[in-house]
């Protein structure tokens, strides 16, 4: 932009307006990227918390883009008031045009979000259940892991057909470090799997689980029970070690491993005779 077209006493205000537009465009780009990420994933009832995390990020970016565009619009209207030489007026018209394009694109993203949500939610969740998921994600964003959060997550696990429920603290499945709570109920089935390039750390917050490791032929190597009463609070599982988790009493775990997320089916599942299959694994 040629600042020589703007009077010296107005340059600072003009620059503020341009800064607002730059931030609006950055937020718009982030909103469009998040919308694309949403549309590229297939969410289920058991992974809906991941959708809500992305939806929250999308909403924040949309709000930020509109807020900054509105600031720029007010500044531009203040500058354009009164008589102006044609070349100056042309510069202001260009800023107003830029604002218009941003608002139009934000509205397009918002529309895509509404359409996507209207198609997704009825497939995976009853309308009256949505509030409970939003409450969980809101607490997760506050990073306070308290008794109420564990109770809420356990209730979601009991209601899930898979008898478990994750609550992610990472904002995207592509993040380098995945941290999440995993609530499990007795009867849930976790396939024997491994992570060829990733260690995995499990810390028990409440309840009782057994972590079993196997060799490549499916022979049990070690079985460790985790519970506070027994004085065993967690375990680190090295990369490429076959393992599974069995829930012995209603439990909540904190788990951490390297991202991005890779389905167990891609990393490898070890079939063991007599073990039930885990349908729809996303852990």
Protein backbone atom coordinates (compact mmCIF):
# COMPACT_ATOMS: atom_id res chain seq x y z
CA UNK A 1 0.00 0.00 0.00
CA UNK A 2 1.39 3.43 -0.95
CA UNK A 3 1.35 5.43 2.30
CA UNK A 4 2.17 8.59 0.34
CA UNK A 5 -1.52 8.69 -0.60
CA UNK A 6 -2.50 9.05 3.07
CA UNK A 7 -1.97 12.30 5.00
CA UNK A 8 0.74 12.02 7.67
CA UNK A 9 -1.67 12.67 10.54
CA UNK A 10 -3.80 9.68 9.43
CA UNK A 11 -1.07 7.17 8.60
CA UNK A 12 -0.97 5.60 12.06
CA UNK A 13 -4.74 5.04 12.05
CA UNK A 14 -4.57 3.60 8.53
CA UNK A 15 -1.80 1.22 9.61
CA UNK A 16 -3.93 0.07 12.56
CA UNK A 17 -6.73 -0.69 10.10
CA UNK A 18 -4.40 -2.69 7.88
CA UNK A 19 -3.09 -4.61 10.89
CA UNK A 20 -6.68 -5.48 11.80
CA UNK A 21 -7.27 -6.79 8.29
CA UNK A 22 -4.07 -8.85 8.40
CA UNK A 23 -5.25 -10.47 11.65
CA UNK A 24 -8.72 -11.01 10.19
CA UNK A 25 -7.24 -12.80 7.18
CA UNK A 26 -5.02 -14.94 9.42
CA UNK A 27 -8.06 -15.96 11.46
CA UNK A 28 -10.03 -16.64 8.28
CA UNK A 29 -7.23 -18.85 6.93
CA UNK A 30 -7.20 -20.76 10.22
CA UNK A 31 -11.01 -21.14 10.13
CA UNK A 32 -10.89 -22.47 6.56
CA UNK A 33 -8.13 -24.93 7.47
CA UNK A 34 -10.08 -26.15 10.51
CA UNK A 35 -13.25 -26.53 8.43
CA UNK A 36 -11.32 -28.60 5.91
CA UNK A 37 -9.96 -30.74 8.75
CA UNK A 38 -13.49 -31.27 10.07
CA UNK A 39 -14.83 -32.26 6.66
CA UNK A 40 -11.93 -34.65 6.14
CA UNK A 41 -12.68 -36.72 9.24
CA UNK A 42 -15.40 -39.25 9.94
CA UNK A 43 -16.57 -38.78 13.51
CA UNK A 44 -18.51 -41.36 15.49
CA UNK A 45 -20.34 -41.22 18.79
CA UNK A 46 -17.18 -42.36 20.55
CA UNK A 47 -14.94 -39.70 19.01
CA UNK A 48 -17.33 -36.78 19.17
CA UNK A 49 -15.16 -34.97 21.70
CA UNK A 50 -12.54 -34.58 18.96
CA UNK A 51 -15.20 -32.92 16.80
CA UNK A 52 -16.13 -30.53 19.59
CA UNK A 53 -12.50 -29.49 20.07
CA UNK A 54 -12.23 -28.64 16.37
CA UNK A 55 -15.64 -26.96 16.38
CA UNK A 56 -14.57 -24.78 19.31
CA UNK A 57 -11.40 -23.77 17.45
CA UNK A 58 -13.44 -23.02 14.32
CA UNK A 59 -15.85 -20.82 16.27
CA UNK A 60 -13.00 -18.89 17.90
CA UNK A 61 -11.36 -18.23 14.53
CA UNK A 62 -14.63 -17.13 12.93
CA UNK A 63 -15.30 -14.74 15.82
CA UNK A 64 -11.75 -13.37 15.63
CA UNK A 65 -11.99 -12.77 11.86
CA UNK A 66 -15.29 -10.92 12.17
CA UNK A 67 -14.09 -8.88 15.16
CA UNK A 68 -10.93 -7.68 13.38
CA UNK A 69 -12.82 -6.99 10.13
CA UNK A 70 -15.34 -4.91 12.06
CA UNK A 71 -12.52 -2.88 13.66
CA UNK A 72 -11.02 -2.24 10.23
CA UNK A 73 -14.41 -1.27 8.85
CA UNK A 74 -14.98 1.33 11.57
CA UNK A 75 -11.50 2.79 11.04
CA UNK A 76 -12.02 2.95 7.28
CA UNK A 77 -15.37 4.72 7.65
CA UNK A 78 -13.77 7.23 9.99
CA UNK A 79 -10.98 7.92 7.50
CA UNK A 80 -13.24 8.11 4.45
CA UNK A 81 -15.59 10.71 5.93
CA UNK A 82 -15.49 14.08 4.19
CA UNK A 83 -14.10 15.09 0.83
CA UNK A 84 -11.10 13.15 -0.46
CA UNK A 85 -8.92 13.34 -3.58
CA UNK A 86 -9.81 10.54 -6.02
CA UNK A 87 -6.61 8.55 -5.43
CA UNK A 88 -7.09 8.61 -1.65
CA UNK A 89 -10.71 7.58 -1.99
CA UNK A 90 -9.64 4.69 -4.23
CA UNK A 91 -7.34 3.39 -1.48
CA UNK A 92 -10.18 3.51 1.05
CA UNK A 93 -12.48 1.75 -1.41
CA UNK A 94 -9.89 -1.00 -1.77
CA UNK A 95 -9.80 -1.46 2.01
CA UNK A 96 -13.61 -1.65 2.13
CA UNK A 97 -13.53 -4.18 -0.70
CA UNK A 98 -10.98 -6.27 1.20
CA UNK A 99 -13.21 -6.16 4.27
CA UNK A 100 -16.17 -7.28 2.18
CA UNK A 101 -14.30 -10.26 0.78
CA UNK A 102 -13.24 -11.34 4.28
CA UNK A 103 -16.79 -11.12 5.65
CA UNK A 104 -18.15 -13.01 2.63
CA UNK A 105 -15.60 -15.80 3.06
CA UNK A 106 -16.29 -16.03 6.81
CA UNK A 107 -20.00 -16.34 6.10
CA UNK A 108 -19.22 -19.14 3.63
CA UNK A 109 -17.24 -21.04 6.26
CA UNK A 110 -20.03 -20.52 8.81
CA UNK A 111 -22.55 -21.92 6.33
CA UNK A 112 -20.38 -24.97 5.67
CA UNK A 113 -20.11 -25.51 9.43
CA UNK A 114 -23.90 -25.34 9.88
CA UNK A 115 -24.49 -27.81 7.05
CA UNK A 116 -21.81 -30.16 8.36
CA UNK A 117 -23.18 -30.00 11.91
CA UNK A 118 -26.77 -30.60 10.75
CA UNK A 119 -25.62 -33.74 8.94
CA UNK A 120 -23.24 -35.05 11.62
CA UNK A 121 -25.06 -34.62 14.92
CA UNK A 122 -28.25 -36.60 14.10
CA UNK A 123 -26.07 -39.51 12.93
CA UNK A 124 -24.00 -39.91 16.08
CA UNK A 125 -25.79 -38.28 18.99
CA UNK A 126 -29.22 -37.57 20.38
CA UNK A 127 -29.88 -33.80 20.61
CA UNK A 128 -30.35 -33.92 24.39
CA UNK A 129 -26.90 -35.52 24.79
CA UNK A 130 -24.97 -32.72 23.09
CA UNK A 131 -24.90 -30.50 26.18
CA UNK A 132 -23.05 -33.16 28.15
CA UNK A 133 -20.29 -33.38 25.55
CA UNK A 134 -19.94 -29.60 25.38
CA UNK A 135 -19.61 -29.49 29.17
CA UNK A 136 -16.84 -32.08 29.06
CA UNK A 137 -14.87 -30.24 26.41
CA UNK A 138 -15.32 -26.90 28.18
CA UNK A 139 -13.80 -28.37 31.36
CA UNK A 140 -10.99 -29.95 29.36
CA UNK A 141 -10.06 -26.61 27.84
CA UNK A 142 -9.71 -25.27 31.40
CA UNK A 143 -7.18 -28.04 32.08
CA UNK A 144 -8.63 -28.78 35.52
CA UNK A 145 -8.82 -32.54 36.08
CA UNK A 146 -11.13 -32.84 39.07
CA UNK A 147 -13.53 -35.40 40.50
CA UNK A 148 -16.48 -33.99 38.58
CA UNK A 149 -14.66 -34.29 35.26
CA UNK A 150 -13.80 -37.92 35.97
CA UNK A 151 -17.42 -38.62 36.97
CA UNK A 152 -18.74 -36.98 33.80
CA UNK A 153 -16.33 -38.87 31.58
CA UNK A 154 -17.11 -42.17 33.31
CA UNK A 155 -20.82 -41.59 32.70
CA UNK A 156 -20.10 -41.10 29.00
CA UNK A 157 -18.07 -44.31 28.94
CA UNK A 158 -20.92 -46.28 30.51
CA UNK A 159 -23.32 -44.93 27.88
CA UNK A 160 -20.97 -45.77 25.01
CA UNK A 161 -21.46 -49.07 23.13
CA UNK A 162 -17.67 -49.60 23.44
CA UNK A 163 -17.77 -48.94 27.20
CA UNK A 164 -15.02 -46.34 27.06
CA UNK A 165 -14.58 -42.67 26.20
CA UNK A 166 -11.59 -40.46 25.45
CA UNK A 167 -11.26 -36.78 26.29
CA UNK A 168 -8.45 -35.15 24.34
CA UNK A 169 -6.36 -32.26 25.64
CA UNK A 170 -4.60 -31.88 22.28
CA UNK A 171 -6.37 -29.63 19.80
CA UNK A 172 -5.81 -31.76 16.70
CA UNK A 173 -5.17 -35.40 15.85
CA UNK A 174 -2.08 -34.15 13.97
CA UNK A 175 -0.39 -32.59 17.02
CA UNK A 176 3.05 -33.91 17.95
CA UNK A 177 2.07 -34.77 21.54
CA UNK A 178 -1.24 -36.46 22.36
CA UNK A 179 -2.53 -36.15 25.94
CA UNK A 180 -5.93 -37.46 26.89
CA UNK A 181 -8.10 -39.05 29.55
CA UNK A 182 -9.43 -42.52 28.80
CA UNK A 183 -12.40 -43.73 30.83
CA UNK A 184 -12.99 -47.49 30.71
CA UNK A 185 -15.71 -49.77 32.01
CA UNK A 186 -15.42 -53.53 32.63
CA UNK A 187 -16.20 -55.40 29.43
CA UNK A 188 -14.56 -52.94 27.03
CA UNK A 189 -12.21 -54.62 24.55
CA UNK A 190 -8.90 -53.02 23.58
CA UNK A 191 -7.21 -54.86 20.72
CA UNK A 192 -3.66 -56.11 21.26
CA UNK A 193 -1.69 -53.50 19.37
CA UNK A 194 1.65 -51.74 19.20
CA UNK A 195 3.09 -48.41 18.14
CA UNK A 196 6.13 -49.10 15.94
CA UNK A 197 7.73 -45.69 16.48
CA UNK A 198 6.14 -44.39 19.70
CA UNK A 199 6.43 -44.99 23.43
CA UNK A 200 3.17 -44.76 25.36
CA UNK A 201 2.76 -43.72 29.00
CA UNK A 202 -0.31 -44.65 31.04
CA UNK A 203 -1.09 -43.25 34.50
CA UNK A 204 -4.14 -44.45 36.42
CA UNK A 205 -6.22 -41.73 38.08
CA UNK A 206 -8.81 -44.04 39.59
CA UNK A 207 -10.13 -47.60 39.35
CA UNK A 208 -8.16 -50.71 38.41
CA UNK A 209 -6.83 -51.99 35.08
CA UNK A 210 -4.42 -54.68 33.91
CA UNK A 211 -1.83 -53.91 31.23
CA UNK A 212 -0.57 -57.03 29.45
CA UNK A 213 2.35 -57.21 27.02
CA UNK A 214 3.04 -59.93 24.44
CA UNK A 215 5.83 -61.11 22.19
CA UNK A 216 5.45 -61.26 18.41
CA UNK A 217 3.97 -64.76 18.56
CA UNK A 218 1.20 -63.73 20.96
CA UNK A 219 2.72 -65.25 24.10
CA UNK A 220 2.10 -63.23 27.25
CA UNK A 221 5.26 -61.53 28.54
CA UNK A 222 4.01 -59.56 31.54
CA UNK A 223 0.75 -58.59 33.22
CA UNK A 224 0.75 -55.55 35.50
CA UNK A 225 -2.25 -54.36 37.53
CA UNK A 226 -2.48 -50.61 38.02
CA UNK A 227 -4.41 -49.22 40.99
CA UNK A 228 -3.73 -46.75 43.77
CA UNK A 229 -4.40 -49.31 46.49
CA UNK A 230 -1.72 -51.62 45.09
CA UNK A 231 0.83 -48.83 44.82
CA UNK A 232 1.26 -49.16 41.04
CA UNK A 233 0.23 -45.91 39.43
CA UNK A 234 1.39 -46.18 35.84
CA UNK A 235 3.49 -47.82 33.20
CA UNK A 236 5.61 -46.78 30.22
CA UNK A 237 5.25 -49.06 27.21
CA UNK A 238 8.24 -48.89 24.83
CA UNK A 239 7.68 -48.57 21.11
CA UNK A 240 6.91 -51.72 19.13
CA UNK A 241 5.75 -53.68 22.22
CA UNK A 242 2.43 -55.51 21.77
CA UNK A 243 0.03 -54.62 24.58
CA UNK A 244 -3.56 -54.32 25.68
CA UNK A 245 -5.48 -52.84 28.61
CA UNK A 246 -8.17 -54.76 30.50
CA UNK A 247 -10.55 -52.83 32.75
CA UNK A 248 -11.04 -54.67 36.06
CA UNK A 249 -12.96 -51.88 37.81
CA UNK A 250 -14.42 -48.68 36.41
CA UNK A 251 -11.29 -46.64 35.65
CA UNK A 252 -9.96 -43.38 34.25
CA UNK A 253 -6.45 -43.23 32.79
CA UNK A 254 -4.25 -40.37 31.70
CA UNK A 255 -2.33 -41.34 28.57
CA UNK A 256 0.41 -39.64 26.62
CA UNK A 257 2.14 -40.58 23.38
CA UNK A 258 3.62 -39.00 20.30
CA UNK A 259 1.31 -37.80 17.53
CA UNK A 260 -0.07 -37.72 14.97
CA UNK A 261 -2.90 -40.19 15.49
CA UNK A 262 -2.57 -43.44 13.53
CA UNK A 263 -5.37 -46.06 13.70
CA UNK A 264 -4.35 -49.38 15.27
CA UNK A 265 -5.32 -51.10 12.06
CA UNK A 266 -2.50 -49.26 10.29
CA UNK A 267 0.12 -49.72 13.02
CA UNK A 268 -0.78 -53.36 13.55
CA UNK A 269 -3.17 -55.54 15.57
CA UNK A 270 -2.09 -58.89 16.98
CA UNK A 271 -4.81 -61.52 16.73
CA UNK A 272 -4.88 -63.80 19.77
CA UNK A 273 -7.12 -66.85 19.90
CA UNK A 274 -10.09 -66.43 22.20
CA UNK A 275 -9.83 -62.64 22.48
CA UNK A 276 -12.87 -60.60 21.43
CA UNK A 277 -12.45 -58.09 18.62
CA UNK A 278 -12.52 -54.36 19.23
CA UNK A 279 -14.85 -52.70 16.74
CA UNK A 280 -14.16 -49.08 15.83
CA UNK A 281 -10.92 -48.63 17.73
CA UNK A 282 -9.73 -45.00 18.11
CA UNK A 283 -7.43 -44.73 21.09
